[in-house]
PDB file of N, CA and C in Angstrom:
ATOM      1  N   MET A   1      55.218 -31.939-136.713  1.00  0.00           N
ATOM      2  CA  MET A   1      55.467 -32.437-138.034  1.00  0.00           C
ATOM      3  C   MET A   1      54.182 -33.045-138.588  1.00  0.00           C
ATOM      4  N   ASN A   2      53.791 -32.669-139.786  1.00  0.00           N
ATOM      5  CA  ASN A   2      52.562 -33.169-140.396  1.00  0.00           C
ATOM      6  C   ASN A   2      52.799 -34.502-141.076  1.00  0.00           C
ATOM      7  N   PRO A   3      51.859 -35.445-140.907  1.00  0.00           N
ATOM      8  CA  PRO A   3      52.011 -36.714-141.607  1.00  0.00           C
ATOM      9  C   PRO A   3      51.845 -36.530-143.112  1.00  0.00           C
ATOM     10  N   SER A   4      52.471 -37.382-143.859  1.00  0.00           N
ATOM     11  CA  SER A   4      52.376 -37.335-145.315  1.00  0.00           C
ATOM     12  C   SER A   4      50.944 -37.628-145.735  1.00  0.00           C
ATOM     13  N   PRO A   5      50.389 -36.839-146.677  1.00  0.00           N
ATOM     14  CA  PRO A   5      49.008 -37.078-147.102  1.00  0.00           C
ATOM     15  C   PRO A   5      48.857 -38.404-147.850  1.00  0.00           C
ATOM     16  N   GLN A   6      49.939 -38.923-148.383  1.00  0.00           N
ATOM     17  CA  GLN A   6      49.838 -40.169-149.138  1.00  0.00           C
ATOM     18  C   GLN A   6      50.084 -41.388-148.261  1.00  0.00           C
ATOM     19  N   GLY A   7      50.682 -41.219-147.118  1.00  0.00           N
ATOM     20  CA  GLY A   7      50.981 -42.339-146.246  1.00  0.00           C
ATOM     21  C   GLY A   7      52.175 -43.120-146.768  1.00  0.00           C
ATOM     22  N   PRO A   8      52.544 -44.175-146.077  1.00  0.00           N
ATOM     23  CA  PRO A   8      53.690 -44.959-146.505  1.00  0.00           C
ATOM     24  C   PRO A   8      53.417 -45.659-147.827  1.00  0.00           C
ATOM     25  N   ALA A   9      54.485 -45.925-148.565  1.00  0.00           N
ATOM     26  CA  ALA A   9      54.369 -46.558-149.880  1.00  0.00           C
ATOM     27  C   ALA A   9      53.749 -47.947-149.776  1.00  0.00           C
ATOM     28  N   THR A  10      53.868 -48.597-148.628  1.00  0.00           N
ATOM     29  CA  THR A  10      53.324 -49.942-148.486  1.00  0.00           C
ATOM     30  C   THR A  10      51.795 -49.942-148.455  1.00  0.00           C
ATOM     31  N   ASP A  11      51.160 -48.772-148.304  1.00  0.00           N
ATOM     32  CA  ASP A  11      49.706 -48.695-148.306  1.00  0.00           C
ATOM     33  C   ASP A  11      49.136 -48.787-149.718  1.00  0.00           C
ATOM     34  N   VAL A  12      49.961 -48.634-150.716  1.00  0.00           N
ATOM     35  CA  VAL A  12      49.505 -48.644-152.091  1.00  0.00           C
ATOM     36  C   VAL A  12      49.257 -50.088-152.527  1.00  0.00           C
ATOM     37  N   VAL A  13      48.055 -50.350-153.018  1.00  0.00           N
ATOM     38  CA  VAL A  13      47.721 -51.684-153.491  1.00  0.00           C
ATOM     39  C   VAL A  13      47.877 -51.701-155.011  1.00  0.00           C
ATOM     40  N   VAL A  14      48.778 -52.556-155.481  1.00  0.00           N
ATOM     41  CA  VAL A  14      49.041 -52.674-156.907  1.00  0.00           C
ATOM     42  C   VAL A  14      48.357 -53.941-157.393  1.00  0.00           C
ATOM     43  N   PRO A  15      47.529 -53.838-158.440  1.00  0.00           N
ATOM     44  CA  PRO A  15      46.875 -55.057-158.931  1.00  0.00           C
ATOM     45  C   PRO A  15      47.898 -56.038-159.480  1.00  0.00           C
ATOM     46  N   PRO A  16      47.585 -57.333-159.429  1.00  0.00           N
ATOM     47  CA  PRO A  16      48.529 -58.321-159.948  1.00  0.00           C
ATOM     48  C   PRO A  16      48.822 -58.098-161.429  1.00  0.00           C
ATOM     49  N   MET A  17      50.034 -58.410-161.820  1.00  0.00           N
ATOM     50  CA  MET A  17      50.416 -58.366-163.226  1.00  0.00           C
ATOM     51  C   MET A  17      49.835 -59.615-163.874  1.00  0.00           C
ATOM     52  N   ARG A  18      49.035 -59.443-164.900  1.00  0.00           N
ATOM     53  CA  ARG A  18      48.404 -60.578-165.570  1.00  0.00           C
ATOM     54  C   ARG A  18      49.307 -61.086-166.694  1.00  0.00           C
ATOM     55  N   LEU A  19      49.696 -62.356-166.619  1.00  0.00           N
ATOM     56  CA  LEU A  19      50.524 -62.954-167.657  1.00  0.00           C
ATOM     57  C   LEU A  19      49.696 -63.186-168.917  1.00  0.00           C
ATOM     58  N   ALA A  20      50.339 -63.061-170.065  1.00  0.00           N
ATOM     59  CA  ALA A  20      49.676 -63.261-171.353  1.00  0.00           C
ATOM     60  C   ALA A  20      49.347 -64.736-171.560  1.00  0.00           C
ATOM     61  N   ALA A  21      48.467 -65.012-172.493  1.00  0.00           N
ATOM     62  CA  ALA A  21      48.083 -66.385-172.804  1.00  0.00           C
ATOM     63  C   ALA A  21      49.247 -67.164-173.407  1.00  0.00           C
ATOM     64  N   SER A  22      50.027 -66.499-174.248  1.00  0.00           N
ATOM     65  CA  SER A  22      51.151 -67.159-174.903  1.00  0.00           C
ATOM     66  C   SER A  22      52.445 -66.451-174.521  1.00  0.00           C
ATOM     67  N   LEU A  23      53.290 -67.168-173.817  1.00  0.00           N
ATOM     68  CA  LEU A  23      54.580 -66.627-173.385  1.00  0.00           C
ATOM     69  C   LEU A  23      55.679 -67.423-174.079  1.00  0.00           C
ATOM     70  N   ASP A  24      55.956 -67.049-175.335  1.00  0.00           N
ATOM     71  CA  ASP A  24      56.966 -67.746-176.119  1.00  0.00           C
ATOM     72  C   ASP A  24      58.326 -67.091-175.918  1.00  0.00           C
ATOM     73  N   LEU A  25      59.291 -67.531-176.685  1.00  0.00           N
ATOM     74  CA  LEU A  25      60.660 -67.022-176.559  1.00  0.00           C
ATOM     75  C   LEU A  25      60.722 -65.500-176.690  1.00  0.00           C
ATOM     76  N   THR A  26      59.961 -64.930-177.617  1.00  0.00           N
ATOM     77  CA  THR A  26      60.003 -63.476-177.821  1.00  0.00           C
ATOM     78  C   THR A  26      59.392 -62.705-176.654  1.00  0.00           C
ATOM     79  N   ALA A  27      58.635 -63.374-175.804  1.00  0.00           N
ATOM     80  CA  ALA A  27      58.012 -62.711-174.657  1.00  0.00           C
ATOM     81  C   ALA A  27      58.932 -62.654-173.439  1.00  0.00           C
ATOM     82  N   ALA A  28      60.040 -63.388-173.461  1.00  0.00           N
ATOM     83  CA  ALA A  28      60.898 -63.477-172.278  1.00  0.00           C
ATOM     84  C   ALA A  28      61.478 -62.124-171.860  1.00  0.00           C
ATOM     85  N   GLU A  29      62.045 -61.383-172.799  1.00  0.00           N
ATOM     86  CA  GLU A  29      62.651 -60.091-172.449  1.00  0.00           C
ATOM     87  C   GLU A  29      61.613 -59.076-171.966  1.00  0.00           C
ATOM     88  N   PRO A  30      60.476 -58.897-172.672  1.00  0.00           N
ATOM     89  CA  PRO A  30      59.461 -57.975-172.146  1.00  0.00           C
ATOM     90  C   PRO A  30      58.926 -58.411-170.777  1.00  0.00           C
ATOM     91  N   LEU A  31      58.792 -59.712-170.562  1.00  0.00           N
ATOM     92  CA  LEU A  31      58.340 -60.205-169.263  1.00  0.00           C
ATOM     93  C   LEU A  31      59.356 -59.848-168.183  1.00  0.00           C
ATOM     94  N   CYS A  32      60.618 -60.044-168.491  1.00  0.00           N
ATOM     95  CA  CYS A  32      61.692 -59.708-167.557  1.00  0.00           C
ATOM     96  C   CYS A  32      61.640 -58.223-167.190  1.00  0.00           C
ATOM     97  N   GLN A  33      61.502 -57.372-168.171  1.00  0.00           N
ATOM     98  CA  GLN A  33      61.451 -55.926-167.924  1.00  0.00           C
ATOM     99  C   GLN A  33      60.236 -55.554-167.074  1.00  0.00           C
ATOM    100  N   ALA A  34      59.087 -56.136-167.382  1.00  0.00           N
ATOM    101  CA  ALA A  34      57.860 -55.827-166.632  1.00  0.00           C
ATOM    102  C   ALA A  34      57.982 -56.273-165.173  1.00  0.00           C
ATOM    103  N   LEU A  35      58.608 -57.408-164.946  1.00  0.00           N
ATOM    104  CA  LEU A  35      58.778 -57.891-163.580  1.00  0.00           C
ATOM    105  C   LEU A  35      59.806 -57.063-162.812  1.00  0.00           C
ATOM    106  N   ARG A  36      60.852 -56.627-163.486  1.00  0.00           N
ATOM    107  CA  ARG A  36      61.866 -55.783-162.826  1.00  0.00           C
ATOM    108  C   ARG A  36      61.246 -54.510-162.267  1.00  0.00           C
ATOM    109  N   VAL A  37      60.354 -53.918-163.032  1.00  0.00           N
ATOM    110  CA  VAL A  37      59.684 -52.690-162.596  1.00  0.00           C
ATOM    111  C   VAL A  37      58.910 -52.936-161.305  1.00  0.00           C
ATOM    112  N   ARG A  38      58.354 -54.117-161.160  1.00  0.00           N
ATOM    113  CA  ARG A  38      57.512 -54.429-160.010  1.00  0.00           C
ATOM    114  C   ARG A  38      58.277 -54.964-158.800  1.00  0.00           C
ATOM    115  N   LEU A  39      59.570 -55.166-158.917  1.00  0.00           N
ATOM    116  CA  LEU A  39      60.331 -55.697-157.779  1.00  0.00           C
ATOM    117  C   LEU A  39      60.359 -54.747-156.587  1.00  0.00           C
ATOM    118  N   ASP A  40      60.089 -53.482-156.804  1.00  0.00           N
ATOM    119  CA  ASP A  40      60.083 -52.525-155.702  1.00  0.00           C
ATOM    120  C   ASP A  40      58.727 -52.449-155.004  1.00  0.00           C
ATOM    121  N   ASP A  41      57.713 -53.145-155.536  1.00  0.00           N
ATOM    122  CA  ASP A  41      56.403 -53.190-154.887  1.00  0.00           C
ATOM    123  C   ASP A  41      56.525 -53.985-153.588  1.00  0.00           C
ATOM    124  N   ALA A  42      55.606 -53.779-152.673  1.00  0.00           N
ATOM    125  CA  ALA A  42      55.616 -54.534-151.419  1.00  0.00           C
ATOM    126  C   ALA A  42      55.425 -56.024-151.687  1.00  0.00           C
ATOM    127  N   THR A  43      54.639 -56.337-152.706  1.00  0.00           N
ATOM    128  CA  THR A  43      54.406 -57.723-153.121  1.00  0.00           C
ATOM    129  C   THR A  43      54.496 -57.797-154.629  1.00  0.00           C
ATOM    130  N   LEU A  44      55.247 -58.744-155.131  1.00  0.00           N
ATOM    131  CA  LEU A  44      55.303 -59.003-156.563  1.00  0.00           C
ATOM    132  C   LEU A  44      54.171 -59.978-156.846  1.00  0.00           C
ATOM    133  N   ALA A  45      53.018 -59.442-157.246  1.00  0.00           N
ATOM    134  CA  ALA A  45      51.819 -60.242-157.463  1.00  0.00           C
ATOM    135  C   ALA A  45      51.619 -60.488-158.951  1.00  0.00           C
ATOM    136  N   ILE A  46      51.433 -61.767-159.296  1.00  0.00           N
ATOM    137  CA  ILE A  46      51.302 -62.169-160.695  1.00  0.00           C
ATOM    138  C   ILE A  46      50.076 -63.057-160.825  1.00  0.00           C
ATOM    139  N   ASP A  47      49.256 -62.784-161.840  1.00  0.00           N
ATOM    140  CA  ASP A  47      48.075 -63.595-162.146  1.00  0.00           C
ATOM    141  C   ASP A  47      48.432 -64.498-163.320  1.00  0.00           C
ATOM    142  N   GLY A  48      48.463 -65.796-163.095  1.00  0.00           N
ATOM    143  CA  GLY A  48      48.832 -66.752-164.134  1.00  0.00           C
ATOM    144  C   GLY A  48      47.659 -67.481-164.748  1.00  0.00           C
ATOM    145  N   SER A  49      46.446 -66.999-164.535  1.00  0.00           N
ATOM    146  CA  SER A  49      45.256 -67.733-164.960  1.00  0.00           C
ATOM    147  C   SER A  49      45.054 -67.802-166.470  1.00  0.00           C
ATOM    148  N   ALA A  50      45.608 -66.874-167.223  1.00  0.00           N
ATOM    149  CA  ALA A  50      45.366 -66.836-168.668  1.00  0.00           C
ATOM    150  C   ALA A  50      46.393 -67.627-169.484  1.00  0.00           C
ATOM    151  N   VAL A  51      47.456 -68.105-168.857  1.00  0.00           N
ATOM    152  CA  VAL A  51      48.550 -68.751-169.587  1.00  0.00           C
ATOM    153  C   VAL A  51      48.082 -70.056-170.234  1.00  0.00           C
ATOM    154  N   GLU A  52      48.277 -70.132-171.546  1.00  0.00           N
ATOM    155  CA  GLU A  52      47.967 -71.351-172.297  1.00  0.00           C
ATOM    156  C   GLU A  52      49.241 -72.050-172.764  1.00  0.00           C
ATOM    157  N   ARG A  53      50.282 -71.249-173.039  1.00  0.00           N
ATOM    158  CA  ARG A  53      51.586 -71.763-173.474  1.00  0.00           C
ATOM    159  C   ARG A  53      52.667 -70.933-172.801  1.00  0.00           C
ATOM    160  N   ILE A  54      53.741 -71.612-172.372  1.00  0.00           N
ATOM    161  CA  ILE A  54      54.851 -70.868-171.785  1.00  0.00           C
ATOM    162  C   ILE A  54      56.157 -71.557-172.150  1.00  0.00           C
ATOM    163  N   SER A  55      57.115 -70.783-172.578  1.00  0.00           N
ATOM    164  CA  SER A  55      58.420 -71.303-172.967  1.00  0.00           C
ATOM    165  C   SER A  55      59.320 -71.440-171.744  1.00  0.00           C
ATOM    166  N   THR A  56      60.342 -72.251-171.895  1.00  0.00           N
ATOM    167  CA  THR A  56      61.323 -72.416-170.819  1.00  0.00           C
ATOM    168  C   THR A  56      61.983 -71.082-170.450  1.00  0.00           C
ATOM    169  N   PRO A  57      62.366 -70.237-171.426  1.00  0.00           N
ATOM    170  CA  PRO A  57      62.957 -68.947-171.031  1.00  0.00           C
ATOM    171  C   PRO A  57      62.017 -68.094-170.171  1.00  0.00           C
ATOM    172  N   CYS A  58      60.721 -68.138-170.436  1.00  0.00           N
ATOM    173  CA  CYS A  58      59.786 -67.364-169.612  1.00  0.00           C
ATOM    174  C   CYS A  58      59.668 -67.960-168.216  1.00  0.00           C
ATOM    175  N   LEU A  59      59.748 -69.284-168.115  1.00  0.00           N
ATOM    176  CA  LEU A  59      59.764 -69.907-166.797  1.00  0.00           C
ATOM    177  C   LEU A  59      61.028 -69.513-166.036  1.00  0.00           C
ATOM    178  N   GLN A  60      62.142 -69.425-166.746  1.00  0.00           N
ATOM    179  CA  GLN A  60      63.387 -68.988-166.117  1.00  0.00           C
ATOM    180  C   GLN A  60      63.262 -67.552-165.612  1.00  0.00           C
ATOM    181  N   VAL A  61      62.575 -66.715-166.369  1.00  0.00           N
ATOM    182  CA  VAL A  61      62.350 -65.330-165.945  1.00  0.00           C
ATOM    183  C   VAL A  61      61.514 -65.312-164.664  1.00  0.00           C
ATOM    184  N   LEU A  62      60.472 -66.126-164.598  1.00  0.00           N
ATOM    185  CA  LEU A  62      59.648 -66.181-163.383  1.00  0.00           C
ATOM    186  C   LEU A  62      60.470 -66.679-162.191  1.00  0.00           C
ATOM    187  N   ALA A  63      61.320 -67.678-162.421  1.00  0.00           N
ATOM    188  CA  ALA A  63      62.179 -68.179-161.340  1.00  0.00           C
ATOM    189  C   ALA A  63      63.142 -67.093-160.867  1.00  0.00           C
ATOM    190  N   ALA A  64      63.707 -66.345-161.791  1.00  0.00           N
ATOM    191  CA  ALA A  64      64.620 -65.251-161.437  1.00  0.00           C
ATOM    192  C   ALA A  64      63.873 -64.150-160.694  1.00  0.00           C
ATOM    193  N   ALA A  65      62.629 -63.884-161.092  1.00  0.00           N
ATOM    194  CA  ALA A  65      61.827 -62.867-160.397  1.00  0.00           C
ATOM    195  C   ALA A  65      61.574 -63.292-158.961  1.00  0.00           C
ATOM    196  N   HIS A  66      61.279 -64.569-158.756  1.00  0.00           N
ATOM    197  CA  HIS A  66      61.081 -65.065-157.393  1.00  0.00           C
ATOM    198  C   HIS A  66      62.358 -64.895-156.579  1.00  0.00           C
ATOM    199  N   ALA A  67      63.488 -65.300-157.149  1.00  0.00           N
ATOM    200  CA  ALA A  67      64.770 -65.175-156.444  1.00  0.00           C
ATOM    201  C   ALA A  67      65.079 -63.707-156.135  1.00  0.00           C
ATOM    202  N   GLY A  68      64.810 -62.830-157.095  1.00  0.00           N
ATOM    203  CA  GLY A  68      65.041 -61.401-156.880  1.00  0.00           C
ATOM    204  C   GLY A  68      64.147 -60.831-155.801  1.00  0.00           C
ATOM    205  N   ALA A  69      62.902 -61.273-155.776  1.00  0.00           N
ATOM    206  CA  ALA A  69      61.968 -60.807-154.744  1.00  0.00           C
ATOM    207  C   ALA A  69      62.434 -61.258-153.364  1.00  0.00           C
ATOM    208  N   VAL A  70      62.838 -62.513-153.260  1.00  0.00           N
ATOM    209  CA  VAL A  70      63.322 -63.035-151.980  1.00  0.00           C
ATOM    210  C   VAL A  70      64.546 -62.242-151.520  1.00  0.00           C
ATOM    211  N   ALA A  71      65.462 -61.980-152.443  1.00  0.00           N
ATOM    212  CA  ALA A  71      66.683 -61.236-152.097  1.00  0.00           C
ATOM    213  C   ALA A  71      66.376 -59.824-151.608  1.00  0.00           C
ATOM    214  N   ARG A  72      65.310 -59.229-152.115  1.00  0.00           N
ATOM    215  CA  ARG A  72      64.926 -57.867-151.713  1.00  0.00           C
ATOM    216  C   ARG A  72      63.983 -57.831-150.523  1.00  0.00           C
ATOM    217  N   GLY A  73      63.530 -58.989-150.091  1.00  0.00           N
ATOM    218  CA  GLY A  73      62.556 -59.027-149.002  1.00  0.00           C
ATOM    219  C   GLY A  73      61.153 -58.710-149.471  1.00  0.00           C
ATOM    220  N   THR A  74      60.905 -58.884-150.745  1.00  0.00           N
ATOM    221  CA  THR A  74      59.598 -58.630-151.344  1.00  0.00           C
ATOM    222  C   THR A  74      58.824 -59.942-151.420  1.00  0.00           C
ATOM    223  N   ALA A  75      57.559 -59.911-151.077  1.00  0.00           N
ATOM    224  CA  ALA A  75      56.737 -61.114-151.192  1.00  0.00           C
ATOM    225  C   ALA A  75      56.497 -61.425-152.671  1.00  0.00           C
ATOM    226  N   PHE A  76      56.466 -62.699-153.013  1.00  0.00           N
ATOM    227  CA  PHE A  76      56.213 -63.161-154.383  1.00  0.00           C
ATOM    228  C   PHE A  76      54.940 -63.981-154.353  1.00  0.00           C
ATOM    229  N   ARG A  77      53.970 -63.596-155.167  1.00  0.00           N
ATOM    230  CA  ARG A  77      52.688 -64.300-155.213  1.00  0.00           C
ATOM    231  C   ARG A  77      52.320 -64.585-156.657  1.00  0.00           C
ATOM    232  N   LEU A  78      52.323 -65.854-157.045  1.00  0.00           N
ATOM    233  CA  LEU A  78      51.834 -66.270-158.361  1.00  0.00           C
ATOM    234  C   LEU A  78      50.463 -66.879-158.127  1.00  0.00           C
ATOM    235  N   HIS A  79      49.423 -66.075-158.397  1.00  0.00           N
ATOM    236  CA  HIS A  79      48.041 -66.451-158.114  1.00  0.00           C
ATOM    237  C   HIS A  79      47.432 -67.243-159.267  1.00  0.00           C
ATOM    238  N   ALA A  80      46.568 -68.165-158.936  1.00  0.00           N
ATOM    239  CA  ALA A  80      45.705 -68.862-159.875  1.00  0.00           C
ATOM    240  C   ALA A  80      46.400 -69.295-161.160  1.00  0.00           C
ATOM    241  N   PRO A  81      47.485 -70.052-161.047  1.00  0.00           N
ATOM    242  CA  PRO A  81      48.151 -70.475-162.280  1.00  0.00           C
ATOM    243  C   PRO A  81      47.236 -71.382-163.099  1.00  0.00           C
ATOM    244  N   SER A  82      47.241 -71.197-164.392  1.00  0.00           N
ATOM    245  CA  SER A  82      46.461 -72.067-165.264  1.00  0.00           C
ATOM    246  C   SER A  82      47.030 -73.474-165.190  1.00  0.00           C
ATOM    247  N   GLU A  83      46.285 -74.435-165.684  1.00  0.00           N
ATOM    248  CA  GLU A  83      46.769 -75.813-165.697  1.00  0.00           C
ATOM    249  C   GLU A  83      48.032 -75.919-166.541  1.00  0.00           C
ATOM    250  N   ALA A  84      48.083 -75.205-167.662  1.00  0.00           N
ATOM    251  CA  ALA A  84      49.267 -75.236-168.530  1.00  0.00           C
ATOM    252  C   ALA A  84      50.494 -74.685-167.803  1.00  0.00           C
ATOM    253  N   LEU A  85      50.320 -73.608-167.063  1.00  0.00           N
ATOM    254  CA  LEU A  85      51.433 -73.021-166.322  1.00  0.00           C
ATOM    255  C   LEU A  85      51.875 -73.951-165.202  1.00  0.00           C
ATOM    256  N   ARG A  86      50.933 -74.467-164.454  1.00  0.00           N
ATOM    257  CA  ARG A  86      51.249 -75.373-163.354  1.00  0.00           C
ATOM    258  C   ARG A  86      51.977 -76.619-163.892  1.00  0.00           C
ATOM    259  N   GLN A  87      51.508 -77.159-164.993  1.00  0.00           N
ATOM    260  CA  GLN A  87      52.117 -78.351-165.577  1.00  0.00           C
ATOM    261  C   GLN A  87      53.543 -78.072-166.050  1.00  0.00           C
ATOM    262  N   ALA A  88      53.756 -76.921-166.686  1.00  0.00           N
ATOM    263  CA  ALA A  88      55.101 -76.564-167.159  1.00  0.00           C
ATOM    264  C   ALA A  88      56.069 -76.424-165.986  1.00  0.00           C
ATOM    265  N   ILE A  89      55.619 -75.797-164.921  1.00  0.00           N
ATOM    266  CA  ILE A  89      56.458 -75.642-163.727  1.00  0.00           C
ATOM    267  C   ILE A  89      56.815 -77.014-163.158  1.00  0.00           C
ATOM    268  N   ASP A  90      55.827 -77.888-163.056  1.00  0.00           N
ATOM    269  CA  ASP A  90      56.057 -79.226-162.513  1.00  0.00           C
ATOM    270  C   ASP A  90      56.960 -80.060-163.410  1.00  0.00           C
ATOM    271  N   GLU A  91      56.716 -80.029-164.726  1.00  0.00           N
ATOM    272  CA  GLU A  91      57.493 -80.845-165.660  1.00  0.00           C
ATOM    273  C   GLU A  91      58.972 -80.479-165.669  1.00  0.00           C
ATOM    274  N   LEU A  92      59.268 -79.200-165.467  1.00  0.00           N
ATOM    275  CA  LEU A  92      60.666 -78.762-165.455  1.00  0.00           C
ATOM    276  C   LEU A  92      61.270 -78.781-164.049  1.00  0.00           C
ATOM    277  N   GLY A  93      60.503 -79.246-163.077  1.00  0.00           N
ATOM    278  CA  GLY A  93      61.020 -79.348-161.713  1.00  0.00           C
ATOM    279  C   GLY A  93      61.281 -77.997-161.066  1.00  0.00           C
ATOM    280  N   LEU A  94      60.452 -77.005-161.387  1.00  0.00           N
ATOM    281  CA  LEU A  94      60.677 -75.647-160.887  1.00  0.00           C
ATOM    282  C   LEU A  94      59.728 -75.252-159.749  1.00  0.00           C
ATOM    283  N   SER A  95      59.105 -76.229-159.119  1.00  0.00           N
ATOM    284  CA  SER A  95      58.126 -75.919-158.069  1.00  0.00           C
ATOM    285  C   SER A  95      58.725 -75.112-156.913  1.00  0.00           C
ATOM    286  N   ALA A  96      59.975 -75.397-156.572  1.00  0.00           N
ATOM    287  CA  ALA A  96      60.620 -74.644-155.492  1.00  0.00           C
ATOM    288  C   ALA A  96      61.044 -73.257-155.961  1.00  0.00           C
ATOM    289  N   ALA A  97      61.406 -73.152-157.231  1.00  0.00           N
ATOM    290  CA  ALA A  97      61.894 -71.874-157.778  1.00  0.00           C
ATOM    291  C   ALA A  97      60.760 -70.927-158.158  1.00  0.00           C
ATOM    292  N   ILE A  98      59.568 -71.489-158.408  1.00  0.00           N
ATOM    293  CA  ILE A  98      58.401 -70.678-158.780  1.00  0.00           C
ATOM    294  C   ILE A  98      57.214 -71.162-157.941  1.00  0.00           C
ATOM    295  N   PRO A  99      57.120 -70.731-156.695  1.00  0.00           N
ATOM    296  CA  PRO A  99      55.991 -71.172-155.864  1.00  0.00           C
ATOM    297  C   PRO A  99      54.675 -70.569-156.351  1.00  0.00           C
ATOM    298  N   VAL A 100      53.618 -71.364-156.329  1.00  0.00           N
ATOM    299  CA  VAL A 100      52.315 -70.906-156.809  1.00  0.00           C
ATOM    300  C   VAL A 100      51.296 -70.942-155.685  1.00  0.00           C
ATOM    301  N   GLU A 101      50.267 -70.126-155.838  1.00  0.00           N
ATOM    302  CA  GLU A 101      49.147 -70.096-154.911  1.00  0.00           C
ATOM    303  C   GLU A 101      47.878 -70.404-155.690  1.00  0.00           C
ATOM    304  N   GLY A 102      47.008 -71.157-155.084  1.00  0.00           N
ATOM    305  CA  GLY A 102      45.691 -71.394-155.666  1.00  0.00           C
ATOM    306  C   GLY A 102      45.601 -72.309-156.806  1.00  0.00           C
TER     307      GLY A 102
END
């Protein structure tokens, strides 16, 4: 039997999804859809460095993405959160629901 030329799907490295600078109420649904697509990746990697403003609904979407990743056995990585993102997570008490790195 010949090995697959592409190898296992886990060998594919997907760059982190970069969050927009402004994540207001209208951004919640598109953010949700974009994260759903990535739940099948080996790691749900998100770059939060550009975030300047984030609404509570978008934070709820990130918390749901983390919960969904955990339920699927997918790693969740929120890299380099901006100060605004980190502060919003802390102020709403979502540190456990949205773990951050860096």
